[in-house]
């Protein structure tokens, strides 16, 4: 049990930090006006005209199929001479 005593300082610091953060953040950021919030949401949802539009992904070329790796290295068999 004595070997666990070295954990006490870190536990105390962690608990104090948790209590400080809970106390400091209890008031929050305050009330936001509903109209301001709606305006911010609308501007965030509108497309940005300065942003270049990306073309839709095309599927003209088939994707190359890769061999699935099983995680086991297998040597090729030797030819019988």
PDB file of N, CA and C in Angstrom:
ATOM      1  N   UNK A   1       0.819  -1.198   0.000  1.00  0.00           N
ATOM      2  CA  UNK A   1       0.000   0.000   0.000  1.00  0.00           C
ATOM      3  C   UNK A   1       0.863   1.262   0.000  1.00  0.00           C
ATOM      4  N   UNK A   2       2.026   1.178   0.626  1.00  0.00           N
ATOM      5  CA  UNK A   2       2.900   2.339   0.684  1.00  0.00           C
ATOM      6  C   UNK A   2       3.402   2.753  -0.692  1.00  0.00           C
ATOM      7  N   UNK A   3       3.483   1.787  -1.589  1.00  0.00           N
ATOM      8  CA  UNK A   3       3.993   2.103  -2.924  1.00  0.00           C
ATOM      9  C   UNK A   3       3.022   3.012  -3.691  1.00  0.00           C
ATOM     10  N   UNK A   4       1.761   2.998  -3.298  1.00  0.00           N
ATOM     11  CA  UNK A   4       0.769   3.842  -3.973  1.00  0.00           C
ATOM     12  C   UNK A   4       0.764   5.284  -3.461  1.00  0.00           C
ATOM     13  N   UNK A   5       1.531   5.567  -2.430  1.00  0.00           N
ATOM     14  CA  UNK A   5       1.556   6.926  -1.885  1.00  0.00           C
ATOM     15  C   UNK A   5       2.129   7.942  -2.865  1.00  0.00           C
ATOM     16  N   UNK A   6       2.923   7.511  -3.813  1.00  0.00           N
ATOM     17  CA  UNK A   6       3.477   8.445  -4.788  1.00  0.00           C
ATOM     18  C   UNK A   6       2.400   8.960  -5.740  1.00  0.00           C
ATOM     19  N   UNK A   7       1.240   8.288  -5.757  1.00  0.00           N
ATOM     20  CA  UNK A   7       0.122   8.755  -6.582  1.00  0.00           C
ATOM     21  C   UNK A   7      -0.665   9.895  -5.936  1.00  0.00           C
ATOM     22  N   UNK A   8      -0.523  10.060  -4.634  1.00  0.00           N
ATOM     23  CA  UNK A   8      -1.334  11.049  -3.915  1.00  0.00           C
ATOM     24  C   UNK A   8      -1.137  12.467  -4.466  1.00  0.00           C
ATOM     25  N   UNK A   9       0.078  12.949  -4.679  1.00  0.00           N
ATOM     26  CA  UNK A   9       0.197  14.325  -5.203  1.00  0.00           C
ATOM     27  C   UNK A   9      -0.489  14.523  -6.555  1.00  0.00           C
ATOM     28  N   UNK A  10      -0.364  13.555  -7.462  1.00  0.00           N
ATOM     29  CA  UNK A  10      -1.010  13.728  -8.764  1.00  0.00           C
ATOM     30  C   UNK A  10      -2.527  13.666  -8.645  1.00  0.00           C
ATOM     31  N   UNK A  11      -3.041  12.848  -7.763  1.00  0.00           N
ATOM     32  CA  UNK A  11      -4.497  12.782  -7.552  1.00  0.00           C
ATOM     33  C   UNK A  11      -4.996  14.093  -6.965  1.00  0.00           C
ATOM     34  N   UNK A  12      -4.258  14.653  -6.010  1.00  0.00           N
ATOM     35  CA  UNK A  12      -4.663  15.919  -5.394  1.00  0.00           C
ATOM     36  C   UNK A  12      -4.657  17.038  -6.436  1.00  0.00           C
ATOM     37  N   UNK A  13      -3.611  17.104  -7.261  1.00  0.00           N
ATOM     38  CA  UNK A  13      -3.538  18.137  -8.294  1.00  0.00           C
ATOM     39  C   UNK A  13      -4.678  17.977  -9.292  1.00  0.00           C
ATOM     40  N   UNK A  14      -4.982  16.740  -9.674  1.00  0.00           N
ATOM     41  CA  UNK A  14      -6.067  16.495 -10.622  1.00  0.00           C
ATOM     42  C   UNK A  14      -7.411  16.921 -10.050  1.00  0.00           C
ATOM     43  N   UNK A  15      -7.669  16.573  -8.791  1.00  0.00           N
ATOM     44  CA  UNK A  15      -8.951  16.939  -8.165  1.00  0.00           C
ATOM     45  C   UNK A  15      -9.067  18.451  -8.022  1.00  0.00           C
ATOM     46  N   UNK A  16      -7.983  19.101  -7.629  1.00  0.00           N
ATOM     47  CA  UNK A  16      -8.022  20.564  -7.498  1.00  0.00           C
ATOM     48  C   UNK A  16      -8.271  21.212  -8.856  1.00  0.00           C
ATOM     49  N   UNK A  17      -7.621  20.704  -9.904  1.00  0.00           N
ATOM     50  CA  UNK A  17      -7.836  21.259 -11.241  1.00  0.00           C
ATOM     51  C   UNK A  17      -9.272  21.048 -11.692  1.00  0.00           C
ATOM     52  N   UNK A  18      -9.840  19.872 -11.416  1.00  0.00           N
ATOM     53  CA  UNK A  18     -11.238  19.619 -11.799  1.00  0.00           C
ATOM     54  C   UNK A  18     -12.185  20.556 -11.065  1.00  0.00           C
ATOM     55  N   UNK A  19     -11.943  20.782  -9.782  1.00  0.00           N
ATOM     56  CA  UNK A  19     -12.805  21.688  -9.015  1.00  0.00           C
ATOM     57  C   UNK A  19     -12.666  23.125  -9.510  1.00  0.00           C
ATOM     58  N   UNK A  20     -11.431  23.542  -9.840  1.00  0.00           N
ATOM     59  CA  UNK A  20     -11.229  24.897 -10.336  1.00  0.00           C
ATOM     60  C   UNK A  20     -11.927  25.108 -11.675  1.00  0.00           C
ATOM     61  N   UNK A  21     -11.832  24.147 -12.571  1.00  0.00           N
ATOM     62  CA  UNK A  21     -12.476  24.271 -13.877  1.00  0.00           C
ATOM     63  C   UNK A  21     -13.993  24.288 -13.718  1.00  0.00           C
ATOM     64  N   UNK A  22     -14.521  23.448 -12.828  1.00  0.00           N
ATOM     65  CA  UNK A  22     -15.968  23.444 -12.591  1.00  0.00           C
ATOM     66  C   UNK A  22     -16.426  24.782 -12.015  1.00  0.00           C
ATOM     67  N   UNK A  23     -15.626  25.365 -11.121  1.00  0.00           N
ATOM     68  CA  UNK A  23     -16.002  26.644 -10.528  1.00  0.00           C
ATOM     69  C   UNK A  23     -15.860  27.782 -11.534  1.00  0.00           C
ATOM     70  N   UNK A  24     -14.791  27.772 -12.326  1.00  0.00           N
ATOM     71  CA  UNK A  24     -14.555  28.863 -13.276  1.00  0.00           C
ATOM     72  C   UNK A  24     -15.563  28.842 -14.424  1.00  0.00           C
ATOM     73  N   UNK A  25     -16.035  27.678 -14.794  1.00  0.00           N
ATOM     74  CA  UNK A  25     -16.940  27.587 -15.926  1.00  0.00           C
ATOM     75  C   UNK A  25     -18.407  27.520 -15.565  1.00  0.00           C
ATOM     76  N   UNK A  26     -18.739  27.784 -14.314  1.00  0.00           N
ATOM     77  CA  UNK A  26     -20.137  27.612 -13.891  1.00  0.00           C
ATOM     78  C   UNK A  26     -21.076  28.650 -14.487  1.00  0.00           C
ATOM     79  N   UNK A  27     -20.558  29.831 -14.834  1.00  0.00           N
ATOM     80  CA  UNK A  27     -21.427  30.867 -15.376  1.00  0.00           C
ATOM     81  C   UNK A  27     -21.581  30.769 -16.878  1.00  0.00           C
ATOM     82  N   UNK A  28     -20.729  30.054 -17.527  1.00  0.00           N
ATOM     83  CA  UNK A  28     -20.823  29.916 -18.972  1.00  0.00           C
ATOM     84  C   UNK A  28     -20.406  31.189 -19.673  1.00  0.00           C
ATOM     85  N   UNK A  29     -20.808  31.307 -20.915  1.00  0.00           N
ATOM     86  CA  UNK A  29     -20.444  32.486 -21.704  1.00  0.00           C
ATOM     87  C   UNK A  29     -21.551  33.520 -21.729  1.00  0.00           C
ATOM     88  N   UNK A  30     -22.618  33.308 -21.018  1.00  0.00           N
ATOM     89  CA  UNK A  30     -23.704  34.279 -20.986  1.00  0.00           C
ATOM     90  C   UNK A  30     -24.735  33.996 -22.057  1.00  0.00           C
ATOM     91  N   UNK A  31     -25.773  34.791 -22.062  1.00  0.00           N
ATOM     92  CA  UNK A  31     -26.856  34.627 -23.015  1.00  0.00           C
ATOM     93  C   UNK A  31     -26.468  35.208 -24.369  1.00  0.00           C
ATOM     94  N   UNK A  32     -26.850  34.519 -25.411  1.00  0.00           N
ATOM     95  CA  UNK A  32     -26.658  35.017 -26.761  1.00  0.00           C
ATOM     96  C   UNK A  32     -28.032  35.391 -27.302  1.00  0.00           C
ATOM     97  N   UNK A  33     -28.111  36.573 -27.897  1.00  0.00           N
ATOM     98  CA  UNK A  33     -29.373  37.030 -28.448  1.00  0.00           C
ATOM     99  C   UNK A  33     -29.838  36.055 -29.529  1.00  0.00           C
ATOM    100  N   UNK A  34     -31.117  35.742 -29.528  1.00  0.00           N
ATOM    101  CA  UNK A  34     -31.653  34.764 -30.481  1.00  0.00           C
ATOM    102  C   UNK A  34     -31.464  35.211 -31.926  1.00  0.00           C
ATOM    103  N   UNK A  35     -31.673  36.495 -32.179  1.00  0.00           N
ATOM    104  CA  UNK A  35     -31.508  37.007 -33.543  1.00  0.00           C
ATOM    105  C   UNK A  35     -30.050  36.902 -33.998  1.00  0.00           C
ATOM    106  N   UNK A  36     -29.128  37.163 -33.095  1.00  0.00           N
ATOM    107  CA  UNK A  36     -27.708  37.051 -33.434  1.00  0.00           C
ATOM    108  C   UNK A  36     -27.368  35.594 -33.723  1.00  0.00           C
ATOM    109  N   UNK A  37     -27.906  34.688 -32.922  1.00  0.00           N
ATOM    110  CA  UNK A  37     -27.642  33.265 -33.130  1.00  0.00           C
ATOM    111  C   UNK A  37     -28.202  32.791 -34.464  1.00  0.00           C
ATOM    112  N   UNK A  38     -29.396  33.251 -34.829  1.00  0.00           N
ATOM    113  CA  UNK A  38     -30.001  32.862 -36.108  1.00  0.00           C
ATOM    114  C   UNK A  38     -29.178  33.414 -37.264  1.00  0.00           C
ATOM    115  N   UNK A  39     -28.702  34.662 -37.149  1.00  0.00           N
ATOM    116  CA  UNK A  39     -27.876  35.254 -38.194  1.00  0.00           C
ATOM    117  C   UNK A  39     -26.564  34.488 -38.372  1.00  0.00           C
ATOM    118  N   UNK A  40     -25.943  34.102 -37.253  1.00  0.00           N
ATOM    119  CA  UNK A  40     -24.700  33.326 -37.327  1.00  0.00           C
ATOM    120  C   UNK A  40     -24.931  31.973 -37.979  1.00  0.00           C
ATOM    121  N   UNK A  41     -26.036  31.325 -37.618  1.00  0.00           N
ATOM    122  CA  UNK A  41     -26.349  30.019 -38.195  1.00  0.00           C
ATOM    123  C   UNK A  41     -26.601  30.144 -39.692  1.00  0.00           C
ATOM    124  N   UNK A  42     -27.339  31.170 -40.092  1.00  0.00           N
ATOM    125  CA  UNK A  42     -27.628  31.361 -41.516  1.00  0.00           C
ATOM    126  C   UNK A  42     -26.348  31.620 -42.303  1.00  0.00           C
ATOM    127  N   UNK A  43     -25.449  32.421 -41.752  1.00  0.00           N
ATOM    128  CA  UNK A  43     -24.203  32.690 -42.482  1.00  0.00           C
ATOM    129  C   UNK A  43     -23.323  31.446 -42.537  1.00  0.00           C
ATOM    130  N   UNK A  44     -23.402  30.589 -41.538  1.00  0.00           N
ATOM    131  CA  UNK A  44     -22.603  29.368 -41.553  1.00  0.00           C
ATOM    132  C   UNK A  44     -23.151  28.355 -42.549  1.00  0.00           C
ATOM    133  N   UNK A  45     -24.461  28.374 -42.780  1.00  0.00           N
ATOM    134  CA  UNK A  45     -25.072  27.401 -43.683  1.00  0.00           C
ATOM    135  C   UNK A  45     -25.045  27.842 -45.143  1.00  0.00           C
ATOM    136  N   UNK A  46     -24.853  29.127 -45.392  1.00  0.00           N
ATOM    137  CA  UNK A  46     -24.813  29.600 -46.772  1.00  0.00           C
ATOM    138  C   UNK A  46     -23.520  29.153 -47.439  1.00  0.00           C
ATOM    139  N   UNK A  47     -23.596  28.797 -48.719  1.00  0.00           N
ATOM    140  CA  UNK A  47     -22.352  28.430 -49.407  1.00  0.00           C
ATOM    141  C   UNK A  47     -21.478  29.657 -49.609  1.00  0.00           C
ATOM    142  N   UNK A  48     -20.186  29.461 -49.496  1.00  0.00           N
ATOM    143  CA  UNK A  48     -19.232  30.549 -49.652  1.00  0.00           C
ATOM    144  C   UNK A  48     -18.985  30.773 -51.145  1.00  0.00           C
ATOM    145  N   UNK A  49     -19.292  31.952 -51.681  1.00  0.00           N
ATOM    146  CA  UNK A  49     -19.103  32.171 -53.124  1.00  0.00           C
ATOM    147  C   UNK A  49     -17.630  32.207 -53.522  1.00  0.00           C
ATOM    148  N   UNK A  50     -16.743  32.458 -52.596  1.00  0.00           N
ATOM    149  CA  UNK A  50     -15.319  32.504 -52.937  1.00  0.00           C
ATOM    150  C   UNK A  50     -14.704  31.113 -52.998  1.00  0.00           C
ATOM    151  N   UNK A  51     -15.368  30.136 -52.422  1.00  0.00           N
ATOM    152  CA  UNK A  51     -14.833  28.781 -52.430  1.00  0.00           C
ATOM    153  C   UNK A  51     -15.099  28.128 -53.782  1.00  0.00           C
ATOM    154  N   UNK A  52     -14.087  27.502 -54.331  1.00  0.00           N
ATOM    155  CA  UNK A  52     -14.208  26.845 -55.625  1.00  0.00           C
ATOM    156  C   UNK A  52     -15.011  25.556 -55.460  1.00  0.00           C
ATOM    157  N   UNK A  53     -15.926  25.345 -56.354  1.00  0.00           N
ATOM    158  CA  UNK A  53     -16.737  24.124 -56.290  1.00  0.00           C
ATOM    159  C   UNK A  53     -15.962  22.955 -56.841  1.00  0.00           C
ATOM    160  N   UNK A  54     -16.065  21.853 -56.187  1.00  0.00           N
ATOM    161  CA  UNK A  54     -15.401  20.638 -56.636  1.00  0.00           C
ATOM    162  C   UNK A  54     -16.326  19.870 -57.557  1.00  0.00           C
ATOM    163  N   UNK A  55     -15.782  19.311 -58.612  1.00  0.00           N
ATOM    164  CA  UNK A  55     -16.634  18.502 -59.490  1.00  0.00           C
ATOM    165  C   UNK A  55     -17.073  17.225 -58.784  1.00  0.00           C
ATOM    166  N   UNK A  56     -18.196  16.727 -59.233  1.00  0.00           N
ATOM    167  CA  UNK A  56     -18.701  15.482 -58.650  1.00  0.00           C
ATOM    168  C   UNK A  56     -17.715  14.361 -58.962  1.00  0.00           C
ATOM    169  N   UNK A  57     -17.560  13.424 -58.052  1.00  0.00           N
ATOM    170  CA  UNK A  57     -16.599  12.347 -58.320  1.00  0.00           C
ATOM    171  C   UNK A  57     -17.036  11.518 -59.515  1.00  0.00           C
ATOM    172  N   UNK A  58     -16.089  11.259 -60.404  1.00  0.00           N
ATOM    173  CA  UNK A  58     -16.392  10.475 -61.591  1.00  0.00           C
ATOM    174  C   UNK A  58     -15.891   9.048 -61.431  1.00  0.00           C
ATOM    175  N   UNK A  59     -16.503   8.158 -62.145  1.00  0.00           N
ATOM    176  CA  UNK A  59     -16.137   6.754 -62.063  1.00  0.00           C
ATOM    177  C   UNK A  59     -15.826   6.228 -63.455  1.00  0.00           C
ATOM    178  N   UNK A  60     -15.043   6.998 -64.231  1.00  0.00           N
ATOM    179  CA  UNK A  60     -14.737   6.595 -65.597  1.00  0.00           C
ATOM    180  C   UNK A  60     -13.801   5.396 -65.627  1.00  0.00           C
ATOM    181  N   UNK A  61     -12.840   5.351 -64.739  1.00  0.00           N
ATOM    182  CA  UNK A  61     -11.892   4.240 -64.723  1.00  0.00           C
ATOM    183  C   UNK A  61     -12.222   3.321 -63.550  1.00  0.00           C
ATOM    184  N   UNK A  62     -12.222   2.024 -63.797  1.00  0.00           N
ATOM    185  CA  UNK A  62     -12.509   1.116 -62.681  1.00  0.00           C
ATOM    186  C   UNK A  62     -11.366   1.148 -61.670  1.00  0.00           C
ATOM    187  N   UNK A  63     -11.696   0.957 -60.437  1.00  0.00           N
ATOM    188  CA  UNK A  63     -10.678   0.945 -59.400  1.00  0.00           C
ATOM    189  C   UNK A  63      -9.916  -0.367 -59.459  1.00  0.00           C
ATOM    190  N   UNK A  64      -8.628  -0.267 -59.238  1.00  0.00           N
ATOM    191  CA  UNK A  64      -7.802  -1.476 -59.241  1.00  0.00           C
ATOM    192  C   UNK A  64      -8.062  -2.251 -57.955  1.00  0.00           C
ATOM    193  N   UNK A  65      -8.314  -3.544 -58.117  1.00  0.00           N
ATOM    194  CA  UNK A  65      -8.560  -4.343 -56.922  1.00  0.00           C
ATOM    195  C   UNK A  65      -7.226  -4.788 -56.347  1.00  0.00           C
ATOM    196  N   UNK A  66      -7.087  -4.646 -55.077  1.00  0.00           N
ATOM    197  CA  UNK A  66      -5.853  -5.029 -54.405  1.00  0.00           C
ATOM    198  C   UNK A  66      -6.063  -6.363 -53.705  1.00  0.00           C
ATOM    199  N   UNK A  67      -4.984  -7.133 -53.645  1.00  0.00           N
ATOM    200  CA  UNK A  67      -5.056  -8.382 -52.902  1.00  0.00           C
ATOM    201  C   UNK A  67      -5.129  -8.052 -51.419  1.00  0.00           C
ATOM    202  N   UNK A  68      -6.035  -8.707 -50.762  1.00  0.00           N
ATOM    203  CA  UNK A  68      -6.164  -8.490 -49.335  1.00  0.00           C
ATOM    204  C   UNK A  68      -5.049  -9.228 -48.615  1.00  0.00           C
ATOM    205  N   UNK A  69      -4.416  -8.553 -47.730  1.00  0.00           N
ATOM    206  CA  UNK A  69      -3.340  -9.173 -46.976  1.00  0.00           C
ATOM    207  C   UNK A  69      -3.942  -9.943 -45.804  1.00  0.00           C
ATOM    208  N   UNK A  70      -3.447 -11.144 -45.598  1.00  0.00           N
ATOM    209  CA  UNK A  70      -3.922 -11.948 -44.463  1.00  0.00           C
ATOM    210  C   UNK A  70      -3.024 -11.792 -43.266  1.00  0.00           C
ATOM    211  N   UNK A  71      -1.893 -11.118 -43.455  1.00  0.00           N
ATOM    212  CA  UNK A  71      -0.969 -10.934 -42.362  1.00  0.00           C
ATOM    213  C   UNK A  71       0.001 -12.094 -42.217  1.00  0.00           C
ATOM    214  N   UNK A  72      -0.089 -13.077 -43.095  1.00  0.00           N
ATOM    215  CA  UNK A  72       0.793 -14.235 -43.037  1.00  0.00           C
ATOM    216  C   UNK A  72       1.664 -14.210 -44.279  1.00  0.00           C
ATOM    217  N   UNK A  73       2.963 -14.309 -44.069  1.00  0.00           N
ATOM    218  CA  UNK A  73       3.880 -14.329 -45.198  1.00  0.00           C
ATOM    219  C   UNK A  73       3.937 -15.744 -45.750  1.00  0.00           C
ATOM    220  N   UNK A  74       3.678 -15.885 -47.039  1.00  0.00           N
ATOM    221  CA  UNK A  74       3.685 -17.200 -47.677  1.00  0.00           C
ATOM    222  C   UNK A  74       4.709 -17.161 -48.800  1.00  0.00           C
ATOM    223  N   UNK A  75       5.632 -18.096 -48.759  1.00  0.00           N
ATOM    224  CA  UNK A  75       6.623 -18.182 -49.831  1.00  0.00           C
ATOM    225  C   UNK A  75       6.028 -18.949 -50.988  1.00  0.00           C
ATOM    226  N   UNK A  76       6.387 -18.565 -52.208  1.00  0.00           N
ATOM    227  CA  UNK A  76       5.885 -19.321 -53.343  1.00  0.00           C
ATOM    228  C   UNK A  76       6.506 -20.715 -53.353  1.00  0.00           C
ATOM    229  N   UNK A  77       5.723 -21.677 -53.768  1.00  0.00           N
ATOM    230  CA  UNK A  77       6.217 -23.049 -53.771  1.00  0.00           C
ATOM    231  C   UNK A  77       7.309 -23.209 -54.833  1.00  0.00           C
ATOM    232  N   UNK A  78       8.250 -24.065 -54.552  1.00  0.00           N
ATOM    233  CA  UNK A  78       9.358 -24.309 -55.499  1.00  0.00           C
ATOM    234  C   UNK A  78       8.897 -25.287 -56.558  1.00  0.00           C
ATOM    235  N   UNK A  79       9.435 -25.091 -57.738  1.00  0.00           N
ATOM    236  CA  UNK A  79       9.111 -26.002 -58.822  1.00  0.00           C
ATOM    237  C   UNK A  79       9.912 -27.301 -58.664  1.00  0.00           C
ATOM    238  N   UNK A  80       9.278 -28.389 -58.924  1.00  0.00           N
ATOM    239  CA  UNK A  80       9.970 -29.671 -58.856  1.00  0.00           C
ATOM    240  C   UNK A  80      10.841 -29.836 -60.087  1.00  0.00           C
ATOM    241  N   UNK A  81      12.121 -30.161 -59.899  1.00  0.00           N
ATOM    242  CA  UNK A  81      12.995 -30.328 -61.049  1.00  0.00           C
ATOM    243  C   UNK A  81      13.143 -31.791 -61.398  1.00  0.00           C
TER     244      UNK A  81
END
